[in-house]
Amino acid sequence: MSLRQINKANRQKVIVTNAARFFSSIGYDLTAIEMVAERSNVSPATIYNHFENKIGLLLAVLIDEGEAVQRIGEKIISQRQRANADVIYRLIDLYVDHPMEFMNKSCWRQALAASTASSNKKFTQEYQNVDIQLKKQLVELMQALQKEDVFISQVEPKSLGEIIWNNVDQMFTDFISNEEMSLKALKISLSNQTGALMTLALKQD
């Protein structure tokens, strides 16, 4: 990577970080490109050049958050004990805890709407790919656990991983849509639902 490319990547990282702070603190609607530009010591034109518009910038924030989750998840998996299925619950906690450290519910509602309505194909596809990679991470963990003889023979690990991921994804969407629901309540529900599935899938001692 050339020095110019490194500088460009670093500049984009600063812009995305500052945008995330504004989105989380004052919300998507009140955040202006000019505000992010001033905080990032760049011109508004630079942001438009990199991200096209505010929706593109928001999607870039989501991509950054998702990639961070993936990296942390990889570390959790690499440090797990062999044949210990409890790592699944640690990953699920990560998948819902980290996004709420990054942005609040209101901003996530805007983000999910933007991810489906945006005409910015580049960032929309990148955001969707992050989602795919997180699902893949969970599926590969299930496949590793199967090789370690954790599940009963009838369990198909790919399907089990996809079911758990889809449930986490849907429950998180329900959570951000419901202003009254707490993160603690979400995590309890996910733990109970995942536990019910795992009781059926795990070999009994």
N, C-alpha and C. Protein backbone atom coordinates (compact mmCIF):
# COMPACT_ATOMS: atom_id res chain seq x y z
N MET A 1 0.85 -1.20 0.00
CA MET A 1 0.00 0.00 0.00
C MET A 1 0.88 1.25 0.00
N SER A 2 0.60 2.17 -0.90
CA SER A 2 1.39 3.39 -1.02
C SER A 2 1.09 4.34 0.13
N LEU A 3 1.96 5.33 0.31
CA LEU A 3 1.75 6.32 1.36
C LEU A 3 0.45 7.07 1.12
N ARG A 4 0.14 7.36 -0.13
CA ARG A 4 -1.11 8.05 -0.45
C ARG A 4 -2.32 7.22 -0.03
N GLN A 5 -2.26 5.92 -0.30
CA GLN A 5 -3.36 5.03 0.07
C GLN A 5 -3.50 4.93 1.59
N ILE A 6 -2.36 4.87 2.27
CA ILE A 6 -2.38 4.81 3.74
C ILE A 6 -3.01 6.08 4.31
N ASN A 7 -2.62 7.23 3.77
CA ASN A 7 -3.18 8.50 4.25
C ASN A 7 -4.67 8.57 3.99
N LYS A 8 -5.09 8.07 2.83
CA LYS A 8 -6.52 8.07 2.49
C LYS A 8 -7.29 7.18 3.47
N ALA A 9 -6.75 5.98 3.75
CA ALA A 9 -7.41 5.06 4.67
C ALA A 9 -7.49 5.65 6.07
N ASN A 10 -6.41 6.29 6.51
CA ASN A 10 -6.40 6.90 7.84
C ASN A 10 -7.40 8.05 7.92
N ARG A 11 -7.50 8.82 6.85
CA ARG A 11 -8.45 9.94 6.82
C ARG A 11 -9.89 9.41 6.88
N GLN A 12 -10.16 8.34 6.14
CA GLN A 12 -11.49 7.75 6.17
C GLN A 12 -11.82 7.21 7.55
N LYS A 13 -10.83 6.61 8.21
CA LYS A 13 -11.04 6.07 9.55
C LYS A 13 -11.42 7.18 10.53
N VAL A 14 -10.72 8.31 10.44
CA VAL A 14 -11.03 9.45 11.31
C VAL A 14 -12.44 9.95 11.05
N ILE A 15 -12.81 10.06 9.79
CA ILE A 15 -14.14 10.55 9.43
C ILE A 15 -15.21 9.61 9.98
N VAL A 16 -15.03 8.31 9.79
CA VAL A 16 -16.02 7.33 10.25
C VAL A 16 -16.13 7.35 11.77
N THR A 17 -15.00 7.45 12.45
CA THR A 17 -15.01 7.49 13.92
C THR A 17 -15.77 8.71 14.42
N ASN A 18 -15.50 9.86 13.84
CA ASN A 18 -16.19 11.08 14.26
C ASN A 18 -17.67 11.04 13.91
N ALA A 19 -18.00 10.47 12.75
CA ALA A 19 -19.41 10.34 12.38
C ALA A 19 -20.15 9.46 13.38
N ALA A 20 -19.53 8.36 13.78
CA ALA A 20 -20.15 7.46 14.75
C ALA A 20 -20.43 8.17 16.06
N ARG A 21 -19.51 9.02 16.48
CA ARG A 21 -19.70 9.76 17.74
C ARG A 21 -20.88 10.72 17.64
N PHE A 22 -20.98 11.41 16.51
CA PHE A 22 -22.09 12.32 16.32
C PHE A 22 -23.42 11.57 16.22
N PHE A 23 -23.45 10.50 15.43
CA PHE A 23 -24.68 9.73 15.27
C PHE A 23 -25.19 9.23 16.61
N SER A 24 -24.27 8.74 17.44
CA SER A 24 -24.65 8.17 18.72
C SER A 24 -25.08 9.24 19.72
N SER A 25 -24.41 10.40 19.70
CA SER A 25 -24.67 11.42 20.72
C SER A 25 -25.88 12.30 20.40
N ILE A 26 -26.02 12.70 19.12
CA ILE A 26 -27.13 13.62 18.79
C ILE A 26 -28.11 13.03 17.78
N GLY A 27 -27.79 11.84 17.24
CA GLY A 27 -28.71 11.20 16.32
C GLY A 27 -28.37 11.48 14.86
N TYR A 28 -28.91 10.63 14.02
CA TYR A 28 -28.64 10.73 12.58
C TYR A 28 -29.17 12.03 11.99
N ASP A 29 -30.41 12.38 12.33
CA ASP A 29 -31.05 13.55 11.70
C ASP A 29 -30.33 14.85 12.00
N LEU A 30 -29.82 14.99 13.22
CA LEU A 30 -29.18 16.24 13.61
C LEU A 30 -27.70 16.31 13.21
N THR A 31 -27.16 15.19 12.80
CA THR A 31 -25.76 15.17 12.37
C THR A 31 -25.66 15.69 10.94
N ALA A 32 -24.85 16.69 10.74
CA ALA A 32 -24.63 17.27 9.41
C ALA A 32 -23.24 16.90 8.90
N ILE A 33 -23.13 16.72 7.60
CA ILE A 33 -21.84 16.42 6.99
C ILE A 33 -20.81 17.48 7.39
N GLU A 34 -21.25 18.74 7.45
CA GLU A 34 -20.34 19.83 7.78
C GLU A 34 -19.77 19.68 9.20
N MET A 35 -20.58 19.17 10.11
CA MET A 35 -20.12 18.95 11.48
C MET A 35 -19.02 17.89 11.52
N VAL A 36 -19.26 16.79 10.81
CA VAL A 36 -18.27 15.71 10.77
C VAL A 36 -17.00 16.18 10.10
N ALA A 37 -17.15 16.97 9.04
CA ALA A 37 -15.99 17.49 8.32
C ALA A 37 -15.14 18.38 9.21
N GLU A 38 -15.79 19.27 9.93
CA GLU A 38 -15.05 20.17 10.81
C GLU A 38 -14.30 19.41 11.89
N ARG A 39 -14.97 18.44 12.50
CA ARG A 39 -14.33 17.64 13.56
C ARG A 39 -13.16 16.82 13.00
N SER A 40 -13.27 16.43 11.73
CA SER A 40 -12.25 15.57 11.12
C SER A 40 -11.16 16.35 10.39
N ASN A 41 -11.28 17.69 10.41
CA ASN A 41 -10.30 18.56 9.75
C ASN A 41 -10.19 18.27 8.25
N VAL A 42 -11.35 18.05 7.62
CA VAL A 42 -11.41 17.89 6.17
C VAL A 42 -12.55 18.76 5.65
N SER A 43 -12.63 18.91 4.36
CA SER A 43 -13.73 19.67 3.77
C SER A 43 -14.95 18.78 3.60
N PRO A 44 -16.17 19.36 3.59
CA PRO A 44 -17.36 18.56 3.29
C PRO A 44 -17.24 17.84 1.95
N ALA A 45 -16.57 18.48 1.00
CA ALA A 45 -16.39 17.85 -0.32
C ALA A 45 -15.62 16.54 -0.22
N THR A 46 -14.67 16.49 0.71
CA THR A 46 -13.91 15.25 0.90
C THR A 46 -14.82 14.12 1.36
N ILE A 47 -15.73 14.43 2.27
CA ILE A 47 -16.66 13.40 2.76
C ILE A 47 -17.59 12.95 1.63
N TYR A 48 -18.11 13.89 0.88
CA TYR A 48 -18.98 13.52 -0.25
C TYR A 48 -18.21 12.69 -1.27
N ASN A 49 -16.94 13.01 -1.45
CA ASN A 49 -16.12 12.27 -2.41
C ASN A 49 -15.92 10.83 -1.97
N HIS A 50 -15.71 10.63 -0.66
CA HIS A 50 -15.46 9.29 -0.14
C HIS A 50 -16.74 8.47 0.06
N PHE A 51 -17.81 9.14 0.52
CA PHE A 51 -18.99 8.40 0.97
C PHE A 51 -20.28 8.72 0.19
N GLU A 52 -20.23 9.68 -0.69
CA GLU A 52 -21.34 10.07 -1.56
C GLU A 52 -22.37 10.94 -0.86
N ASN A 53 -22.86 10.49 0.31
CA ASN A 53 -23.86 11.25 1.06
C ASN A 53 -23.87 10.76 2.51
N LYS A 54 -24.82 11.29 3.29
CA LYS A 54 -24.84 10.93 4.73
C LYS A 54 -25.22 9.48 4.93
N ILE A 55 -26.05 8.93 4.07
CA ILE A 55 -26.40 7.52 4.19
C ILE A 55 -25.18 6.65 3.95
N GLY A 56 -24.39 7.01 2.95
CA GLY A 56 -23.16 6.28 2.70
C GLY A 56 -22.22 6.33 3.89
N LEU A 57 -22.17 7.49 4.53
CA LEU A 57 -21.33 7.64 5.73
C LEU A 57 -21.85 6.76 6.87
N LEU A 58 -23.16 6.72 7.04
CA LEU A 58 -23.76 5.88 8.08
C LEU A 58 -23.46 4.41 7.83
N LEU A 59 -23.60 3.99 6.57
CA LEU A 59 -23.30 2.60 6.25
C LEU A 59 -21.83 2.28 6.49
N ALA A 60 -20.95 3.24 6.23
CA ALA A 60 -19.53 3.04 6.51
C ALA A 60 -19.30 2.84 8.01
N VAL A 61 -20.06 3.56 8.82
CA VAL A 61 -19.98 3.38 10.28
C VAL A 61 -20.40 1.96 10.66
N LEU A 62 -21.48 1.48 10.05
CA LEU A 62 -21.96 0.12 10.34
C LEU A 62 -20.94 -0.92 9.92
N ILE A 63 -20.32 -0.71 8.78
CA ILE A 63 -19.31 -1.64 8.28
C ILE A 63 -18.13 -1.69 9.26
N ASP A 64 -17.70 -0.54 9.71
CA ASP A 64 -16.59 -0.47 10.66
C ASP A 64 -16.93 -1.20 11.95
N GLU A 65 -18.15 -1.00 12.43
CA GLU A 65 -18.59 -1.66 13.66
C GLU A 65 -18.63 -3.17 13.47
N GLY A 66 -19.18 -3.61 12.34
CA GLY A 66 -19.30 -5.04 12.08
C GLY A 66 -17.95 -5.72 11.95
N GLU A 67 -17.01 -5.05 11.30
CA GLU A 67 -15.66 -5.61 11.17
C GLU A 67 -14.96 -5.71 12.53
N ALA A 68 -15.23 -4.73 13.39
CA ALA A 68 -14.67 -4.79 14.75
C ALA A 68 -15.23 -5.98 15.52
N VAL A 69 -16.52 -6.21 15.39
CA VAL A 69 -17.15 -7.37 16.04
C VAL A 69 -16.53 -8.67 15.53
N GLN A 70 -16.33 -8.74 14.23
CA GLN A 70 -15.75 -9.95 13.64
C GLN A 70 -14.36 -10.22 14.20
N ARG A 71 -13.55 -9.19 14.31
CA ARG A 71 -12.19 -9.36 14.85
C ARG A 71 -12.22 -9.83 16.31
N ILE A 72 -13.08 -9.24 17.10
CA ILE A 72 -13.19 -9.65 18.51
C ILE A 72 -13.69 -11.09 18.60
N GLY A 73 -14.65 -11.44 17.74
CA GLY A 73 -15.18 -12.79 17.71
C GLY A 73 -14.10 -13.82 17.37
N GLU A 74 -13.26 -13.47 16.42
CA GLU A 74 -12.16 -14.37 16.05
C GLU A 74 -11.22 -14.60 17.23
N LYS A 75 -10.98 -13.56 18.01
CA LYS A 75 -10.11 -13.69 19.17
C LYS A 75 -10.75 -14.59 20.23
N ILE A 76 -12.06 -14.39 20.46
CA ILE A 76 -12.78 -15.22 21.43
C ILE A 76 -12.71 -16.69 21.03
N ILE A 77 -12.92 -16.96 19.74
CA ILE A 77 -12.91 -18.34 19.25
C ILE A 77 -11.52 -18.95 19.37
N SER A 78 -10.50 -18.16 19.06
CA SER A 78 -9.13 -18.68 19.09
C SER A 78 -8.69 -19.03 20.51
N GLN A 79 -9.30 -18.41 21.51
CA GLN A 79 -8.90 -18.62 22.90
C GLN A 79 -9.82 -19.60 23.64
N ARG A 80 -10.76 -20.17 22.92
CA ARG A 80 -11.73 -21.05 23.58
C ARG A 80 -11.09 -22.39 23.97
N GLN A 81 -11.74 -23.06 24.92
CA GLN A 81 -11.32 -24.40 25.29
C GLN A 81 -11.97 -25.40 24.34
N ARG A 82 -11.26 -26.43 24.01
CA ARG A 82 -11.77 -27.45 23.10
C ARG A 82 -13.04 -28.10 23.66
N ALA A 83 -14.02 -28.29 22.76
CA ALA A 83 -15.27 -28.98 23.08
C ALA A 83 -16.12 -28.26 24.13
N ASN A 84 -15.89 -26.97 24.29
CA ASN A 84 -16.68 -26.18 25.24
C ASN A 84 -17.65 -25.30 24.45
N ALA A 85 -18.93 -25.67 24.49
CA ALA A 85 -19.94 -24.97 23.70
C ALA A 85 -20.35 -23.64 24.32
N ASP A 86 -19.87 -23.33 25.52
CA ASP A 86 -20.23 -22.06 26.16
C ASP A 86 -19.76 -20.85 25.37
N VAL A 87 -18.77 -21.05 24.50
CA VAL A 87 -18.27 -19.95 23.68
C VAL A 87 -19.37 -19.37 22.79
N ILE A 88 -20.37 -20.17 22.48
CA ILE A 88 -21.49 -19.70 21.67
C ILE A 88 -22.19 -18.53 22.36
N TYR A 89 -22.39 -18.64 23.66
CA TYR A 89 -23.07 -17.58 24.41
C TYR A 89 -22.20 -16.32 24.48
N ARG A 90 -20.89 -16.50 24.55
CA ARG A 90 -19.99 -15.34 24.56
C ARG A 90 -20.07 -14.59 23.23
N LEU A 91 -20.16 -15.33 22.15
CA LEU A 91 -20.28 -14.69 20.84
C LEU A 91 -21.60 -13.93 20.72
N ILE A 92 -22.67 -14.55 21.17
CA ILE A 92 -23.98 -13.90 21.09
C ILE A 92 -23.99 -12.61 21.90
N ASP A 93 -23.41 -12.65 23.10
CA ASP A 93 -23.30 -11.42 23.90
C ASP A 93 -22.53 -10.35 23.13
N LEU A 94 -21.44 -10.75 22.48
CA LEU A 94 -20.65 -9.81 21.69
C LEU A 94 -21.49 -9.20 20.58
N TYR A 95 -22.26 -10.04 19.89
CA TYR A 95 -23.04 -9.59 18.73
C TYR A 95 -24.10 -8.54 19.09
N VAL A 96 -24.54 -8.54 20.36
CA VAL A 96 -25.54 -7.54 20.74
C VAL A 96 -24.97 -6.43 21.63
N ASP A 97 -23.91 -6.74 22.37
CA ASP A 97 -23.31 -5.72 23.25
C ASP A 97 -22.54 -4.67 22.45
N HIS A 98 -21.69 -5.12 21.57
CA HIS A 98 -20.81 -4.19 20.86
C HIS A 98 -21.57 -3.16 20.03
N PRO A 99 -22.60 -3.56 19.28
CA PRO A 99 -23.34 -2.55 18.51
C PRO A 99 -23.92 -1.44 19.38
N MET A 100 -24.32 -1.76 20.60
CA MET A 100 -24.93 -0.74 21.47
C MET A 100 -23.88 0.13 22.16
N GLU A 101 -22.63 -0.31 22.15
CA GLU A 101 -21.55 0.56 22.60
C GLU A 101 -21.21 1.57 21.51
N PHE A 102 -21.53 1.20 20.29
CA PHE A 102 -21.14 1.97 19.12
C PHE A 102 -22.18 3.02 18.75
N MET A 103 -23.47 2.66 18.82
CA MET A 103 -24.55 3.58 18.47
C MET A 103 -25.78 3.26 19.32
N ASN A 104 -26.65 4.27 19.50
CA ASN A 104 -27.85 4.06 20.30
C ASN A 104 -28.99 3.50 19.45
N LYS A 105 -30.12 3.20 20.10
CA LYS A 105 -31.24 2.57 19.39
C LYS A 105 -31.76 3.43 18.24
N SER A 106 -31.92 4.70 18.49
CA SER A 106 -32.46 5.60 17.48
C SER A 106 -31.59 5.58 16.23
N CYS A 107 -30.30 5.62 16.44
CA CYS A 107 -29.38 5.63 15.30
C CYS A 107 -29.39 4.29 14.57
N TRP A 108 -29.54 3.20 15.32
CA TRP A 108 -29.61 1.89 14.68
C TRP A 108 -30.88 1.75 13.85
N ARG A 109 -31.97 2.35 14.29
CA ARG A 109 -33.20 2.31 13.48
C ARG A 109 -32.97 3.01 12.15
N GLN A 110 -32.33 4.17 12.21
CA GLN A 110 -31.99 4.89 10.98
C GLN A 110 -31.05 4.05 10.12
N ALA A 111 -30.12 3.39 10.78
CA ALA A 111 -29.12 2.62 10.05
C ALA A 111 -29.74 1.45 9.29
N LEU A 112 -30.63 0.72 9.95
CA LEU A 112 -31.26 -0.42 9.29
C LEU A 112 -32.15 0.03 8.14
N ALA A 113 -32.82 1.16 8.32
CA ALA A 113 -33.64 1.69 7.24
C ALA A 113 -32.75 2.10 6.07
N ALA A 114 -31.62 2.72 6.38
CA ALA A 114 -30.70 3.16 5.33
C ALA A 114 -30.10 1.99 4.58
N SER A 115 -29.83 0.91 5.30
CA SER A 115 -29.18 -0.24 4.67
C SER A 115 -30.07 -0.91 3.63
N THR A 116 -31.38 -0.73 3.75
CA THR A 116 -32.30 -1.33 2.78
C THR A 116 -32.75 -0.34 1.72
N ALA A 117 -32.71 0.96 2.06
CA ALA A 117 -33.23 1.96 1.13
C ALA A 117 -32.15 2.67 0.32
N SER A 118 -30.90 2.52 0.72
CA SER A 118 -29.83 3.28 0.08
C SER A 118 -29.61 2.86 -1.37
N SER A 119 -29.31 3.84 -2.20
CA SER A 119 -28.95 3.58 -3.59
C SER A 119 -27.44 3.41 -3.74
N ASN A 120 -26.73 3.57 -2.64
CA ASN A 120 -25.27 3.45 -2.65
C ASN A 120 -24.91 1.97 -2.61
N LYS A 121 -24.73 1.37 -3.77
CA LYS A 121 -24.55 -0.07 -3.85
C LYS A 121 -23.25 -0.53 -3.19
N LYS A 122 -22.20 0.30 -3.31
CA LYS A 122 -20.90 -0.09 -2.75
C LYS A 122 -21.00 -0.34 -1.25
N PHE A 123 -21.50 0.65 -0.52
CA PHE A 123 -21.56 0.51 0.94
C PHE A 123 -22.66 -0.46 1.37
N THR A 124 -23.77 -0.51 0.63
CA THR A 124 -24.83 -1.46 0.96
C THR A 124 -24.31 -2.89 0.84
N GLN A 125 -23.60 -3.19 -0.23
CA GLN A 125 -23.06 -4.53 -0.42
C GLN A 125 -22.00 -4.86 0.62
N GLU A 126 -21.17 -3.89 0.96
CA GLU A 126 -20.15 -4.12 1.99
C GLU A 126 -20.78 -4.38 3.35
N TYR A 127 -21.86 -3.65 3.66
CA TYR A 127 -22.55 -3.86 4.93
C TYR A 127 -23.19 -5.24 4.97
N GLN A 128 -23.84 -5.63 3.87
CA GLN A 128 -24.45 -6.95 3.80
C GLN A 128 -23.40 -8.05 3.91
N ASN A 129 -22.22 -7.80 3.36
CA ASN A 129 -21.14 -8.78 3.44
C ASN A 129 -20.65 -8.96 4.87
N VAL A 130 -20.61 -7.88 5.64
CA VAL A 130 -20.23 -7.99 7.05
C VAL A 130 -21.19 -8.93 7.78
N ASP A 131 -22.48 -8.77 7.50
CA ASP A 131 -23.50 -9.64 8.10
C ASP A 131 -23.26 -11.10 7.72
N ILE A 132 -22.93 -11.32 6.46
CA ILE A 132 -22.66 -12.67 5.97
C ILE A 132 -21.44 -13.25 6.67
N GLN A 133 -20.42 -12.44 6.87
CA GLN A 133 -19.19 -12.92 7.51
C GLN A 133 -19.41 -13.28 8.98
N LEU A 134 -20.26 -12.53 9.66
CA LEU A 134 -20.56 -12.86 11.06
C LEU A 134 -21.34 -14.17 11.15
N LYS A 135 -22.27 -14.36 10.23
CA LYS A 135 -22.98 -15.64 10.20
C LYS A 135 -22.01 -16.78 9.92
N LYS A 136 -21.11 -16.57 8.99
CA LYS A 136 -20.10 -17.58 8.65
C LYS A 136 -19.24 -17.91 9.86
N GLN A 137 -18.90 -16.88 10.64
CA GLN A 137 -18.08 -17.09 11.84
C GLN A 137 -18.78 -18.04 12.81
N LEU A 138 -20.06 -17.84 13.00
CA LEU A 138 -20.83 -18.69 13.92
C LEU A 138 -20.97 -20.10 13.36
N VAL A 139 -21.23 -20.21 12.06
CA VAL A 139 -21.36 -21.52 11.42
C VAL A 139 -20.05 -22.31 11.53
N GLU A 140 -18.93 -21.66 11.28
CA GLU A 140 -17.64 -22.35 11.35
C GLU A 140 -17.33 -22.81 12.78
N LEU A 141 -17.77 -22.04 13.76
CA LEU A 141 -17.61 -22.48 15.14
C LEU A 141 -18.42 -23.76 15.38
N MET A 142 -19.66 -23.79 14.89
CA MET A 142 -20.50 -24.98 15.05
C MET A 142 -19.86 -26.19 14.37
N GLN A 143 -19.27 -25.98 13.21
CA GLN A 143 -18.63 -27.08 12.50
C GLN A 143 -17.41 -27.58 13.27
N ALA A 144 -16.68 -26.66 13.90
CA ALA A 144 -15.54 -27.06 14.72
C ALA A 144 -16.00 -27.86 15.94
N LEU A 145 -17.08 -27.42 16.56
CA LEU A 145 -17.60 -28.13 17.72
C LEU A 145 -18.10 -29.52 17.33
N GLN A 146 -18.66 -29.65 16.14
CA GLN A 146 -19.11 -30.96 15.69
C GLN A 146 -17.92 -31.92 15.56
N LYS A 147 -16.81 -31.43 15.02
CA LYS A 147 -15.62 -32.26 14.88
C LYS A 147 -15.05 -32.65 16.24
N GLU A 148 -15.36 -31.85 17.25
CA GLU A 148 -14.90 -32.15 18.61
C GLU A 148 -15.91 -33.01 19.37
N ASP A 149 -16.90 -33.54 18.63
CA ASP A 149 -17.87 -34.51 19.16
C ASP A 149 -18.75 -33.93 20.26
N VAL A 150 -19.16 -32.65 20.06
CA VAL A 150 -20.00 -31.98 21.04
C VAL A 150 -21.48 -32.26 20.80
N PHE A 151 -21.87 -32.40 19.53
CA PHE A 151 -23.28 -32.52 19.17
C PHE A 151 -23.68 -33.97 18.92
N ILE A 152 -24.97 -34.23 19.08
CA ILE A 152 -25.49 -35.54 18.71
C ILE A 152 -25.40 -35.70 17.19
N SER A 153 -25.43 -36.91 16.71
CA SER A 153 -25.17 -37.19 15.30
C SER A 153 -26.20 -36.57 14.36
N GLN A 154 -27.43 -36.36 14.84
CA GLN A 154 -28.48 -35.82 13.97
C GLN A 154 -28.32 -34.33 13.67
N VAL A 155 -27.46 -33.65 14.41
CA VAL A 155 -27.31 -32.20 14.24
C VAL A 155 -26.51 -31.87 12.99
N GLU A 156 -27.04 -30.96 12.19
CA GLU A 156 -26.32 -30.44 11.03
C GLU A 156 -25.78 -29.07 11.45
N PRO A 157 -24.47 -28.94 11.68
CA PRO A 157 -23.92 -27.73 12.31
C PRO A 157 -24.15 -26.45 11.51
N LYS A 158 -24.12 -26.54 10.19
CA LYS A 158 -24.34 -25.34 9.38
C LYS A 158 -25.74 -24.78 9.63
N SER A 159 -26.71 -25.66 9.61
CA SER A 159 -28.09 -25.23 9.83
C SER A 159 -28.28 -24.68 11.24
N LEU A 160 -27.67 -25.34 12.22
CA LEU A 160 -27.79 -24.88 13.60
C LEU A 160 -27.19 -23.48 13.75
N GLY A 161 -26.01 -23.27 13.17
CA GLY A 161 -25.39 -21.95 13.22
C GLY A 161 -26.24 -20.89 12.55
N GLU A 162 -26.82 -21.22 11.41
CA GLU A 162 -27.66 -20.27 10.68
C GLU A 162 -28.92 -19.93 11.47
N ILE A 163 -29.52 -20.93 12.10
CA ILE A 163 -30.72 -20.69 12.90
C ILE A 163 -30.41 -19.75 14.07
N ILE A 164 -29.33 -20.02 14.77
CA ILE A 164 -28.97 -19.18 15.92
C ILE A 164 -28.64 -17.76 15.45
N TRP A 165 -27.90 -17.64 14.37
CA TRP A 165 -27.57 -16.30 13.86
C TRP A 165 -28.84 -15.54 13.44
N ASN A 166 -29.71 -16.22 12.70
CA ASN A 166 -30.94 -15.57 12.24
C ASN A 166 -31.79 -15.11 13.42
N ASN A 167 -31.79 -15.89 14.49
CA ASN A 167 -32.56 -15.50 15.67
C ASN A 167 -31.94 -14.29 16.35
N VAL A 168 -30.62 -14.27 16.45
CA VAL A 168 -29.93 -13.11 17.04
C VAL A 168 -30.23 -11.87 16.21
N ASP A 169 -30.15 -12.00 14.90
CA ASP A 169 -30.39 -10.88 13.98
C ASP A 169 -31.81 -10.34 14.13
N GLN A 170 -32.79 -11.25 14.18
CA GLN A 170 -34.18 -10.82 14.30
C GLN A 170 -34.48 -10.22 15.67
N MET A 171 -33.93 -10.84 16.71
CA MET A 171 -34.16 -10.34 18.06
C MET A 171 -33.53 -8.96 18.26
N PHE A 172 -32.36 -8.75 17.64
CA PHE A 172 -31.72 -7.44 17.74
C PHE A 172 -32.56 -6.38 17.02
N THR A 173 -33.13 -6.75 15.88
CA THR A 173 -34.01 -5.83 15.15
C THR A 173 -35.24 -5.49 15.99
N ASP A 174 -35.82 -6.50 16.63
CA ASP A 174 -36.97 -6.27 17.51
C ASP A 174 -36.58 -5.37 18.68
N PHE A 175 -35.40 -5.58 19.22
CA PHE A 175 -34.90 -4.81 20.35
C PHE A 175 -34.78 -3.32 20.01
N ILE A 176 -34.17 -3.02 18.88
CA ILE A 176 -33.99 -1.59 18.55
C ILE A 176 -35.30 -0.94 18.12
N SER A 177 -36.27 -1.76 17.72
CA SER A 177 -37.59 -1.22 17.35
C SER A 177 -38.44 -0.93 18.57
N ASN A 178 -38.11 -1.55 19.69
CA ASN A 178 -38.88 -1.43 20.92
C ASN A 178 -38.10 -0.58 21.93
N GLU A 179 -38.51 0.67 22.08
CA GLU A 179 -37.78 1.59 22.95
C GLU A 179 -37.80 1.15 24.40
N GLU A 180 -38.82 0.37 24.80
CA GLU A 180 -38.96 -0.04 26.20
C GLU A 180 -38.09 -1.25 26.56
N MET A 181 -37.67 -2.01 25.56
CA MET A 181 -36.92 -3.24 25.83
C MET A 181 -35.48 -2.90 26.20
N SER A 182 -35.00 -3.47 27.29
CA SER A 182 -33.63 -3.21 27.74
C SER A 182 -32.67 -4.21 27.11
N LEU A 183 -31.40 -3.84 27.09
CA LEU A 183 -30.38 -4.75 26.57
C LEU A 183 -30.30 -6.01 27.44
N LYS A 184 -30.48 -5.84 28.73
CA LYS A 184 -30.47 -6.99 29.63
C LYS A 184 -31.59 -7.96 29.29
N ALA A 185 -32.77 -7.44 29.00
CA ALA A 185 -33.90 -8.30 28.64
C ALA A 185 -33.63 -9.03 27.33
N LEU A 186 -33.04 -8.33 26.38
CA LEU A 186 -32.68 -8.96 25.11
C LEU A 186 -31.73 -10.12 25.33
N LYS A 187 -30.70 -9.89 26.15
CA LYS A 187 -29.69 -10.92 26.36
C LYS A 187 -30.26 -12.13 27.10
N ILE A 188 -31.17 -11.89 28.03
CA ILE A 188 -31.82 -13.00 28.74
C ILE A 188 -32.64 -13.84 27.77
N SER A 189 -33.41 -13.17 26.91
CA SER A 189 -34.24 -13.88 25.93
C SER A 189 -33.37 -14.70 24.98
N LEU A 190 -32.30 -14.09 24.49
CA LEU A 190 -31.42 -14.80 23.57
C LEU A 190 -30.75 -16.00 24.25
N SER A 191 -30.34 -15.81 25.48
CA SER A 191 -29.71 -16.91 26.22
C SER A 191 -30.68 -18.06 26.42
N ASN A 192 -31.93 -17.73 26.77
CA ASN A 192 -32.94 -18.78 26.98
C ASN A 192 -33.27 -19.51 25.69
N GLN A 193 -33.41 -18.76 24.59
CA GLN A 193 -33.76 -19.38 23.32
C GLN A 193 -32.61 -20.21 22.77
N THR A 194 -31.40 -19.69 22.90
CA THR A 194 -30.24 -20.45 22.45
C THR A 194 -30.05 -21.70 23.31
N GLY A 195 -30.29 -21.54 24.60
CA GLY A 195 -30.17 -22.68 25.50
C GLY A 195 -31.14 -23.79 25.15
N ALA A 196 -32.35 -23.43 24.74
CA ALA A 196 -33.35 -24.44 24.36
C ALA A 196 -32.87 -25.23 23.15
N LEU A 197 -32.28 -24.53 22.19
CA LEU A 197 -31.74 -25.21 21.01
C LEU A 197 -30.56 -26.10 21.37
N MET A 198 -29.67 -25.57 22.20
CA MET A 198 -28.47 -26.33 22.54
C MET A 198 -28.79 -27.57 23.37
N THR A 199 -29.83 -27.50 24.18
CA THR A 199 -30.24 -28.67 24.95
C THR A 199 -30.59 -29.84 24.04
N LEU A 200 -31.21 -29.51 22.91
CA LEU A 200 -31.58 -30.54 21.94
C LEU A 200 -30.38 -31.02 21.13
N ALA A 201 -29.39 -30.13 20.95
CA ALA A 201 -28.27 -30.44 20.05
C ALA A 201 -27.08 -31.10 20.75
N LEU A 202 -26.85 -30.78 22.01
CA LEU A 202 -25.66 -31.26 22.69
C LEU A 202 -25.77 -32.72 23.15
N LYS A 203 -24.67 -33.40 23.13
CA LYS A 203 -24.63 -34.73 23.73
C LYS A 203 -24.74 -34.59 25.24
N GLN A 204 -25.44 -35.51 25.84
CA GLN A 204 -25.62 -35.48 27.29
C GLN A 204 -24.52 -36.29 27.97
N ASP A 205 -24.00 -35.77 29.07
CA ASP A 205 -22.94 -36.49 29.81
C ASP A 205 -23.52 -37.73 30.47
